[in-house]
Amino acid sequence: MNNTLGTQYISRVATLARTNPFRPLVHRNFRIFWSGQTLSLIGTWMQAVGEGWLALQLSNSALIVGVVAGASALPVLLLSLYGGVVADRNDKLKVVRIAQSLLLIQASVLWWFTATDHLTIRWLILLATMNGLISAFEIPARQSFIVELVGREDLVDAIALNSAGFNLARVIGPSVAAIVIGTLGPKWCFALNSMSYLAVLAGLFMIRVPAWERVETGASPIEGMLEGFRYIRDTPLVSVLVRVVGVTAIFGISFLAMMPVVARNVLRSGASGYGVLLTCVGIGALVGALSLAALGQRIPRGQLFIWATYGFAAGLVIFSLMHRLLPAAIMLVFVGFGMLLHGALANGLMQSIAPDELRGRVVSAYVFVAVGLVPIGSFILGAVARVAGVDWAIGGCAVVVLAHSAWAFAKNPALRTVR
């Protein structure tokens, strides 16, 4: 009897450990990495809010707001697949350190232009493009580096917790940015972001991992990219994840670029309302990230990905029908929840399936569709909003996500059972 109780107790403790969303933090390197990244991302979100608000002030055009948002993602679309090859063939930690240093310089230049009243729409688009150019190499290296910090067993949970830090920053950053813009002006959003990069750089230089060993290959970068393409094409589960994430990025995730327009033109709430909307998206995403690990293996992750995709798109349709700040903000909590589960599950599943030697290229494919395709959606939403209104643009595009997802999931029923 006592042995039975002891076995049950040990099993219960093991179950609780597996469903603890903070379990990856037991790894020292990941703990340092996560802390620095989260603090830096608060500044990144402040800069994003400042850029969106300045774009609207300088142009008074929903289309230009979409262009500015898309400018930072366009280089990711063009270069992230090559960035995956760079990540697979170089020391990932070194690549991330260099890229974060360049992002510090970019944020500082943006602050200087704004502080000296030299900022124009052209300079704003150019600097946003520089940010995307650096990110095309930084994101694949950083995402594929996580497995070296926690190991394969804790990889999905680490990605979820990393997303939790991203969305904790999404909660804090826009709220602080709204206060800063209202009291000190947008330039201080950029100044604070510049200083936040010091935190992530300090953390990156504290991380200790085994020395990187170069793997000699005679294949050219183009051949390396083609190898990644063939793997994705010939692996049905990875292929369907890439397709669904891509369509959702174009017609769903790009709704974030229109938030300044929604806040001002639909909800009549100004900069403070803009900050509230982004904060609510972040709250929902933060809850989603913490819930992902807590769900453990009780629900197959493939099935959860399907539910999350449907929930995110349906939530956007409902959000597009709202014209008051409070109900719109509440709905965005649910939208953020679904958006986080959709992205984190796709990223984690793809990395878990991929072999080590191709992980950087698989991650770069995820970045290509999840981030790089967003400018296409930003342009589409901006153009439709200009003609039919931003609410119709967001709702109509969300219906496209629902229709495509239903078709893709029906064609790939095996996804429902993937754990």
Protein backbone atom coordinates (compact mmCIF):
# COMPACT_ATOMS: atom_id res chain seq x y z
CA MET A 1 0.00 0.00 0.00
CA ASN A 2 2.74 2.43 0.99
CA ASN A 3 4.67 1.60 -2.16
CA THR A 4 1.58 2.30 -4.24
CA LEU A 5 1.04 5.67 -2.55
CA GLY A 6 4.70 6.52 -3.00
CA THR A 7 4.57 5.65 -6.69
CA GLN A 8 1.43 7.77 -7.14
CA TYR A 9 3.08 10.68 -5.33
CA ILE A 10 6.20 10.50 -7.50
CA SER A 11 4.05 10.27 -10.62
CA ARG A 12 2.04 13.30 -9.50
CA VAL A 13 5.20 15.33 -8.84
CA ALA A 14 6.60 14.35 -12.24
CA THR A 15 3.35 15.41 -13.93
CA LEU A 16 3.40 18.78 -12.17
CA ALA A 17 7.04 19.28 -13.22
CA ARG A 18 6.19 18.56 -16.83
CA THR A 19 3.31 21.06 -16.77
CA ASN A 20 5.27 23.82 -15.02
CA PRO A 21 5.49 26.65 -17.60
CA PHE A 22 8.68 27.97 -15.94
CA ARG A 23 10.56 24.66 -16.05
CA PRO A 24 12.99 25.78 -18.80
CA LEU A 25 14.33 28.45 -16.44
CA VAL A 26 16.22 25.76 -14.51
CA HIS A 27 18.77 25.98 -17.33
CA ARG A 28 21.21 28.79 -16.42
CA ASN A 29 21.94 29.84 -20.00
CA PHE A 30 18.26 30.03 -20.91
CA ARG A 31 17.51 31.97 -17.71
CA ILE A 32 20.09 34.62 -18.66
CA PHE A 33 18.95 34.64 -22.29
CA TRP A 34 15.25 34.93 -21.41
CA SER A 35 15.72 37.74 -18.87
CA GLY A 36 17.80 39.92 -21.20
CA GLN A 37 15.56 39.31 -24.19
CA THR A 38 12.39 40.14 -22.27
CA LEU A 39 13.77 43.42 -20.96
CA SER A 40 15.03 44.38 -24.41
CA LEU A 41 11.71 43.51 -26.03
CA ILE A 42 9.92 46.03 -23.82
CA GLY A 43 11.98 48.68 -25.58
CA THR A 44 11.30 47.06 -28.96
CA TRP A 45 7.54 47.31 -28.41
CA MET A 46 7.90 50.92 -27.31
CA GLN A 47 9.72 51.64 -30.56
CA ALA A 48 7.01 49.85 -32.60
CA VAL A 49 4.29 51.95 -30.98
CA GLY A 50 6.29 55.13 -31.54
CA GLU A 51 6.90 54.27 -35.21
CA GLY A 52 3.24 53.53 -35.86
CA TRP A 53 2.06 56.71 -34.21
CA LEU A 54 4.65 58.87 -35.99
CA ALA A 55 3.75 57.29 -39.34
CA LEU A 56 0.11 58.25 -38.82
CA GLN A 57 1.00 61.77 -37.66
CA LEU A 58 3.39 62.44 -40.53
CA SER A 59 1.21 60.99 -43.31
CA ASN A 60 -2.41 60.84 -42.04
CA SER A 61 -2.74 57.72 -44.23
CA ALA A 62 -3.67 54.14 -43.32
CA LEU A 63 -1.77 52.97 -46.38
CA ILE A 64 1.47 54.66 -45.23
CA VAL A 65 1.06 53.15 -41.75
CA GLY A 66 0.91 49.75 -43.46
CA VAL A 67 3.95 50.59 -45.59
CA VAL A 68 6.03 51.54 -42.54
CA ALA A 69 5.00 48.36 -40.74
CA GLY A 70 5.72 46.31 -43.84
CA ALA A 71 9.12 47.91 -44.45
CA SER A 72 10.59 46.20 -41.38
CA ALA A 73 9.31 42.81 -42.53
CA LEU A 74 10.12 43.01 -46.25
CA PRO A 75 13.86 42.25 -45.81
CA VAL A 76 12.88 39.25 -43.70
CA LEU A 77 10.82 38.03 -46.63
CA LEU A 78 13.76 38.43 -49.01
CA LEU A 79 16.68 37.30 -46.84
CA SER A 80 15.51 35.09 -43.96
CA LEU A 81 15.98 31.85 -45.93
CA TYR A 82 19.60 32.82 -46.55
CA GLY A 83 19.74 33.80 -42.87
CA GLY A 84 18.85 30.19 -42.04
CA VAL A 85 21.83 28.94 -44.03
CA VAL A 86 24.06 31.45 -42.19
CA ALA A 87 22.69 30.18 -38.86
CA ASP A 88 23.35 26.53 -39.74
CA ARG A 89 26.93 27.23 -40.91
CA ASN A 90 28.12 29.68 -38.24
CA ASP A 91 28.31 30.14 -34.49
CA LYS A 92 24.71 31.09 -33.68
CA LEU A 93 25.64 32.91 -30.47
CA LYS A 94 28.14 35.08 -32.33
CA VAL A 95 25.60 35.88 -35.06
CA VAL A 96 23.04 36.97 -32.46
CA ARG A 97 25.59 39.15 -30.63
CA ILE A 98 26.56 40.97 -33.82
CA ALA A 99 22.95 41.45 -34.90
CA GLN A 100 21.84 42.80 -31.52
CA SER A 101 24.72 45.30 -31.60
CA LEU A 102 23.57 46.52 -35.02
CA LEU A 103 19.99 46.84 -33.75
CA LEU A 104 21.30 49.05 -30.94
CA ILE A 105 22.88 51.34 -33.55
CA GLN A 106 19.69 51.41 -35.64
CA ALA A 107 17.54 52.41 -32.65
CA SER A 108 20.03 55.13 -31.70
CA VAL A 109 19.95 56.60 -35.21
CA LEU A 110 16.14 56.63 -35.15
CA TRP A 111 16.23 58.47 -31.82
CA TRP A 112 18.68 61.06 -33.21
CA PHE A 113 16.55 61.79 -36.29
CA THR A 114 13.44 62.24 -34.15
CA ALA A 115 15.15 64.31 -31.44
CA THR A 116 16.61 66.71 -34.01
CA ASP A 117 13.32 67.02 -35.99
CA HIS A 118 14.91 65.57 -39.12
CA LEU A 119 12.60 62.54 -39.30
CA THR A 120 10.47 62.21 -42.44
CA ILE A 121 8.36 59.36 -43.78
CA ARG A 122 11.22 58.40 -46.10
CA TRP A 123 13.71 58.19 -43.24
CA LEU A 124 11.18 56.30 -41.11
CA ILE A 125 10.68 53.72 -43.87
CA LEU A 126 14.44 53.46 -44.48
CA LEU A 127 15.23 52.89 -40.80
CA ALA A 128 12.40 50.36 -40.49
CA THR A 129 13.89 48.56 -43.49
CA MET A 130 17.31 48.51 -41.80
CA ASN A 131 15.70 46.90 -38.76
CA GLY A 132 14.21 44.19 -40.97
CA LEU A 133 17.52 43.63 -42.76
CA ILE A 134 19.28 42.87 -39.48
CA SER A 135 16.36 40.80 -38.19
CA ALA A 136 16.47 38.56 -41.28
CA PHE A 137 19.72 37.11 -39.90
CA GLU A 138 19.13 37.59 -36.18
CA ILE A 139 15.77 35.82 -35.83
CA PRO A 140 16.70 32.45 -37.44
CA ALA A 141 19.95 32.33 -35.44
CA ARG A 142 18.26 33.27 -32.16
CA GLN A 143 15.31 30.89 -32.57
CA SER A 144 17.44 27.91 -33.60
CA PHE A 145 19.90 28.68 -30.77
CA ILE A 146 17.30 27.94 -28.07
CA VAL A 147 17.75 24.19 -28.35
CA GLU A 148 21.42 24.65 -27.35
CA LEU A 149 20.27 26.37 -24.15
CA VAL A 150 17.68 23.80 -22.96
CA GLY A 151 18.01 20.61 -25.03
CA ARG A 152 15.40 18.96 -27.24
CA GLU A 153 13.23 17.70 -24.33
CA ASP A 154 12.41 21.20 -23.09
CA LEU A 155 12.44 22.87 -26.51
CA VAL A 156 8.69 23.39 -27.05
CA ASP A 157 8.20 24.66 -23.50
CA ALA A 158 11.21 26.98 -23.86
CA ILE A 159 9.75 28.40 -27.08
CA ALA A 160 6.45 28.93 -25.27
CA LEU A 161 8.18 30.66 -22.36
CA ASN A 162 10.22 32.74 -24.79
CA SER A 163 6.91 33.77 -26.36
CA ALA A 164 5.62 34.57 -22.87
CA GLY A 165 8.52 36.99 -22.41
CA PHE A 166 7.79 38.49 -25.83
CA ASN A 167 4.17 39.07 -24.87
CA LEU A 168 4.96 40.24 -21.35
CA ALA A 169 6.93 42.92 -23.16
CA ARG A 170 3.91 43.47 -25.43
CA VAL A 171 1.84 44.18 -22.30
CA ILE A 172 4.35 46.52 -20.66
CA GLY A 173 5.88 48.18 -23.74
CA PRO A 174 2.77 49.73 -25.34
CA SER A 175 1.44 50.87 -21.96
CA VAL A 176 4.69 52.64 -21.12
CA ALA A 177 4.95 53.94 -24.70
CA ALA A 178 1.49 55.53 -24.51
CA ILE A 179 2.53 57.39 -21.35
CA VAL A 180 5.90 58.38 -22.83
CA ILE A 181 4.36 59.62 -26.09
CA GLY A 182 1.76 61.64 -24.20
CA THR A 183 4.26 63.26 -21.82
CA LEU A 184 7.71 63.30 -23.42
CA GLY A 185 7.10 62.54 -27.09
CA PRO A 186 7.90 59.54 -29.36
CA LYS A 187 11.65 60.24 -29.41
CA TRP A 188 11.96 58.90 -25.87
CA CYS A 189 10.45 55.58 -26.94
CA PHE A 190 13.42 55.22 -29.29
CA ALA A 191 15.92 56.40 -26.67
CA LEU A 192 14.68 53.87 -24.10
CA ASN A 193 14.77 51.11 -26.71
CA SER A 194 18.39 51.94 -27.48
CA MET A 195 19.29 51.56 -23.81
CA SER A 196 17.33 48.29 -23.51
CA TYR A 197 19.66 46.60 -26.00
CA LEU A 198 22.43 46.89 -23.44
CA ALA A 199 20.54 44.38 -21.27
CA VAL A 200 20.32 41.73 -23.95
CA LEU A 201 23.95 42.21 -24.98
CA ALA A 202 25.10 41.84 -21.38
CA GLY A 203 23.17 38.58 -21.13
CA LEU A 204 24.51 37.23 -24.41
CA PHE A 205 28.12 37.75 -23.28
CA MET A 206 27.37 35.91 -19.99
CA ILE A 207 26.11 32.76 -21.75
CA ARG A 208 28.54 29.84 -21.78
CA VAL A 209 28.01 27.04 -24.31
CA PRO A 210 30.41 24.46 -25.77
CA ALA A 211 32.75 25.87 -28.39
CA TRP A 212 31.19 25.85 -31.81
CA GLU A 213 32.73 23.45 -34.29
CA ARG A 214 32.55 24.25 -37.97
CA VAL A 215 31.09 21.51 -40.15
CA GLU A 216 32.77 21.57 -43.53
CA THR A 217 30.41 21.40 -46.50
CA GLY A 218 31.07 21.77 -50.18
CA ALA A 219 27.55 22.97 -50.89
CA SER A 220 26.99 26.59 -51.83
CA PRO A 221 24.51 28.78 -49.92
CA ILE A 222 22.01 28.34 -52.77
CA GLU A 223 22.40 24.57 -52.59
CA GLY A 224 21.94 24.81 -48.82
CA MET A 225 18.67 26.70 -49.26
CA LEU A 226 17.47 24.18 -51.85
CA GLU A 227 18.22 21.36 -49.41
CA GLY A 228 15.98 23.07 -46.87
CA PHE A 229 13.24 23.57 -49.48
CA ARG A 230 13.31 19.91 -50.41
CA TYR A 231 13.07 18.82 -46.78
CA ILE A 232 10.02 21.04 -46.17
CA ARG A 233 8.38 19.96 -49.44
CA ASP A 234 8.92 16.25 -48.73
CA THR A 235 7.81 16.38 -45.08
CA PRO A 236 4.00 16.73 -45.12
CA LEU A 237 3.59 17.86 -41.51
CA VAL A 238 6.18 20.62 -41.87
CA SER A 239 4.73 21.61 -45.24
CA VAL A 240 1.18 22.11 -43.95
CA LEU A 241 2.45 24.09 -40.95
CA VAL A 242 4.41 26.40 -43.24
CA ARG A 243 1.40 26.96 -45.53
CA VAL A 244 -1.08 27.68 -42.76
CA VAL A 245 1.31 30.00 -40.92
CA GLY A 246 2.01 31.85 -44.18
CA VAL A 247 -1.64 32.52 -45.01
CA THR A 248 -2.35 33.50 -41.41
CA ALA A 249 0.58 35.93 -41.46
CA ILE A 250 -0.65 37.64 -44.63
CA PHE A 251 -4.34 37.85 -43.81
CA GLY A 252 -4.36 37.62 -40.01
CA ILE A 253 -1.26 38.74 -38.10
CA SER A 254 -0.95 41.89 -40.20
CA PHE A 255 -3.99 43.31 -38.38
CA LEU A 256 -1.49 44.66 -35.83
CA ALA A 257 -0.22 47.21 -38.37
CA MET A 258 -3.71 48.73 -38.54
CA MET A 259 -4.09 49.30 -34.80
CA PRO A 260 -3.21 53.03 -34.95
CA VAL A 261 -5.94 53.47 -37.58
CA VAL A 262 -8.48 51.43 -35.59
CA ALA A 263 -7.72 53.41 -32.43
CA ARG A 264 -8.09 56.81 -34.08
CA ASN A 265 -10.67 56.34 -36.83
CA VAL A 266 -12.94 53.56 -35.51
CA LEU A 267 -12.72 53.71 -31.72
CA ARG A 268 -11.91 57.44 -31.47
CA SER A 269 -9.51 56.77 -28.62
CA GLY A 270 -6.19 58.35 -29.69
CA ALA A 271 -2.71 57.27 -28.59
CA SER A 272 -3.90 56.02 -25.20
CA GLY A 273 -6.43 53.73 -26.88
CA TYR A 274 -3.75 52.49 -29.26
CA GLY A 275 -1.62 51.49 -26.29
CA VAL A 276 -4.60 49.79 -24.62
CA LEU A 277 -5.35 47.70 -27.73
CA LEU A 278 -1.76 46.45 -28.07
CA THR A 279 -1.58 45.81 -24.33
CA CYS A 280 -4.70 43.63 -24.47
CA VAL A 281 -3.25 41.61 -27.34
CA GLY A 282 -0.17 41.11 -25.17
CA ILE A 283 -2.19 40.06 -22.12
CA GLY A 284 -3.98 37.38 -24.11
CA ALA A 285 -0.74 36.18 -25.67
CA LEU A 286 1.01 36.09 -22.29
CA VAL A 287 -1.78 33.94 -20.82
CA GLY A 288 -1.59 31.72 -23.91
CA ALA A 289 2.15 31.23 -23.55
CA LEU A 290 1.90 30.27 -19.89
CA SER A 291 -1.04 27.97 -20.64
CA LEU A 292 0.80 26.09 -23.37
CA ALA A 293 3.26 24.33 -21.09
CA ALA A 294 0.57 23.79 -18.43
CA LEU A 295 -1.49 21.82 -20.96
CA GLY A 296 1.37 19.33 -21.17
CA GLN A 297 0.59 16.36 -23.41
CA ARG A 298 -3.09 16.12 -22.45
CA ILE A 299 -4.07 17.55 -25.83
CA PRO A 300 -2.07 16.65 -28.95
CA ARG A 301 -0.17 19.77 -29.97
CA GLY A 302 -1.32 19.38 -33.56
CA GLN A 303 -4.96 19.45 -32.46
CA LEU A 304 -4.27 22.44 -30.25
CA PHE A 305 -2.67 24.24 -33.21
CA ILE A 306 -5.83 23.68 -35.27
CA TRP A 307 -8.09 25.02 -32.50
CA ALA A 308 -5.82 28.02 -31.96
CA THR A 309 -5.83 28.93 -35.66
CA TYR A 310 -9.62 28.79 -35.85
CA GLY A 311 -10.01 30.73 -32.60
CA PHE A 312 -7.62 33.48 -33.66
CA ALA A 313 -9.34 34.06 -37.01
CA ALA A 314 -12.86 33.93 -35.55
CA GLY A 315 -11.82 36.40 -32.84
CA LEU A 316 -10.59 38.84 -35.49
CA VAL A 317 -13.94 38.66 -37.31
CA ILE A 318 -15.76 39.54 -34.08
CA PHE A 319 -13.25 42.30 -33.27
CA SER A 320 -13.83 43.92 -36.67
CA LEU A 321 -17.53 44.37 -35.80
CA MET A 322 -16.84 46.37 -32.63
CA HIS A 323 -16.84 50.16 -32.47
CA ARG A 324 -16.30 50.82 -28.76
CA LEU A 325 -12.97 50.62 -26.96
CA LEU A 326 -13.90 48.37 -24.02
CA PRO A 327 -15.48 45.44 -25.92
CA ALA A 328 -12.83 45.72 -28.65
CA ALA A 329 -10.06 45.57 -26.05
CA ILE A 330 -11.64 42.54 -24.35
CA MET A 331 -11.93 40.69 -27.65
CA LEU A 332 -8.27 41.40 -28.39
CA VAL A 333 -7.34 39.44 -25.26
CA PHE A 334 -8.87 36.34 -26.88
CA VAL A 335 -7.29 37.21 -30.23
CA GLY A 336 -3.88 37.48 -28.56
CA PHE A 337 -4.39 34.12 -26.83
CA GLY A 338 -5.12 32.35 -30.12
CA MET A 339 -2.36 34.18 -31.98
CA LEU A 340 0.28 33.11 -29.46
CA LEU A 341 -0.76 29.45 -29.43
CA HIS A 342 -0.86 29.41 -33.24
CA GLY A 343 2.68 30.81 -33.61
CA ALA A 344 4.39 29.07 -30.70
CA LEU A 345 2.95 25.66 -31.55
CA ALA A 346 3.90 25.94 -35.21
CA ASN A 347 7.44 27.02 -34.31
CA GLY A 348 7.87 24.31 -31.68
CA LEU A 349 6.42 21.52 -33.81
CA MET A 350 8.61 22.42 -36.79
CA GLN A 351 11.78 22.52 -34.66
CA SER A 352 10.90 19.24 -32.93
CA ILE A 353 10.41 17.48 -36.24
CA ALA A 354 13.49 18.92 -37.99
CA PRO A 355 16.93 17.24 -37.75
CA ASP A 356 19.70 19.24 -36.06
CA GLU A 357 21.62 19.95 -39.25
CA LEU A 358 18.56 21.56 -40.87
CA ARG A 359 17.04 23.33 -37.87
CA GLY A 360 18.30 26.80 -38.82
CA ARG A 361 16.81 26.48 -42.30
CA VAL A 362 13.50 25.14 -40.99
CA VAL A 363 13.36 28.02 -38.51
CA SER A 364 14.18 30.44 -41.32
CA ALA A 365 11.24 29.04 -43.30
CA TYR A 366 9.02 29.71 -40.28
CA VAL A 367 10.43 33.25 -40.01
CA PHE A 368 9.99 33.72 -43.77
CA VAL A 369 6.26 33.01 -43.61
CA ALA A 370 5.45 34.24 -40.09
CA VAL A 371 7.34 37.54 -40.32
CA GLY A 372 8.46 38.04 -43.91
CA LEU A 373 5.00 37.70 -45.44
CA VAL A 374 3.48 40.24 -43.06
CA PRO A 375 4.36 43.22 -45.33
CA ILE A 376 2.21 41.71 -48.06
CA GLY A 377 -0.67 41.60 -45.59
CA SER A 378 0.10 45.12 -44.38
CA PHE A 379 -0.08 46.43 -47.94
CA ILE A 380 -3.31 44.50 -48.60
CA LEU A 381 -4.97 45.67 -45.38
CA GLY A 382 -3.83 49.24 -45.92
CA ALA A 383 -5.17 49.28 -49.50
CA VAL A 384 -8.51 47.69 -48.59
CA ALA A 385 -8.86 49.95 -45.56
CA ARG A 386 -8.35 52.96 -47.77
CA VAL A 387 -11.31 51.92 -49.94
CA ALA A 388 -13.70 50.04 -47.64
CA GLY A 389 -12.60 50.97 -44.12
CA VAL A 390 -10.21 49.31 -41.71
CA ASP A 391 -12.92 47.26 -39.98
CA TRP A 392 -13.98 45.62 -43.27
CA ALA A 393 -10.35 45.01 -44.17
CA ILE A 394 -9.58 43.16 -40.92
CA GLY A 395 -12.82 41.15 -40.91
CA GLY A 396 -12.61 40.17 -44.58
CA CYS A 397 -9.01 39.01 -44.33
CA ALA A 398 -9.83 36.96 -41.21
CA VAL A 399 -12.51 35.12 -43.20
CA VAL A 400 -9.82 34.19 -45.73
CA VAL A 401 -7.75 32.67 -42.89
CA LEU A 402 -10.76 30.62 -41.72
CA ALA A 403 -11.52 29.30 -45.20
CA HIS A 404 -7.92 28.35 -46.02
CA SER A 405 -7.37 26.71 -42.63
CA ALA A 406 -10.50 24.57 -42.99
CA TRP A 407 -9.27 23.35 -46.40
CA ALA A 408 -5.68 22.71 -45.25
CA PHE A 409 -6.66 20.82 -42.10
CA ALA A 410 -9.18 18.69 -43.99
CA LYS A 411 -6.43 17.72 -46.47
CA ASN A 412 -3.97 16.83 -43.66
CA PRO A 413 -5.90 14.95 -40.93
CA ALA A 414 -2.68 13.44 -39.51
CA LEU A 415 -1.83 16.84 -38.01
CA ARG A 416 -4.53 16.33 -35.37
CA THR A 417 -2.60 13.50 -33.70
CA VAL A 418 0.88 15.09 -33.60
CA ARG A 419 2.16 15.54 -30.04
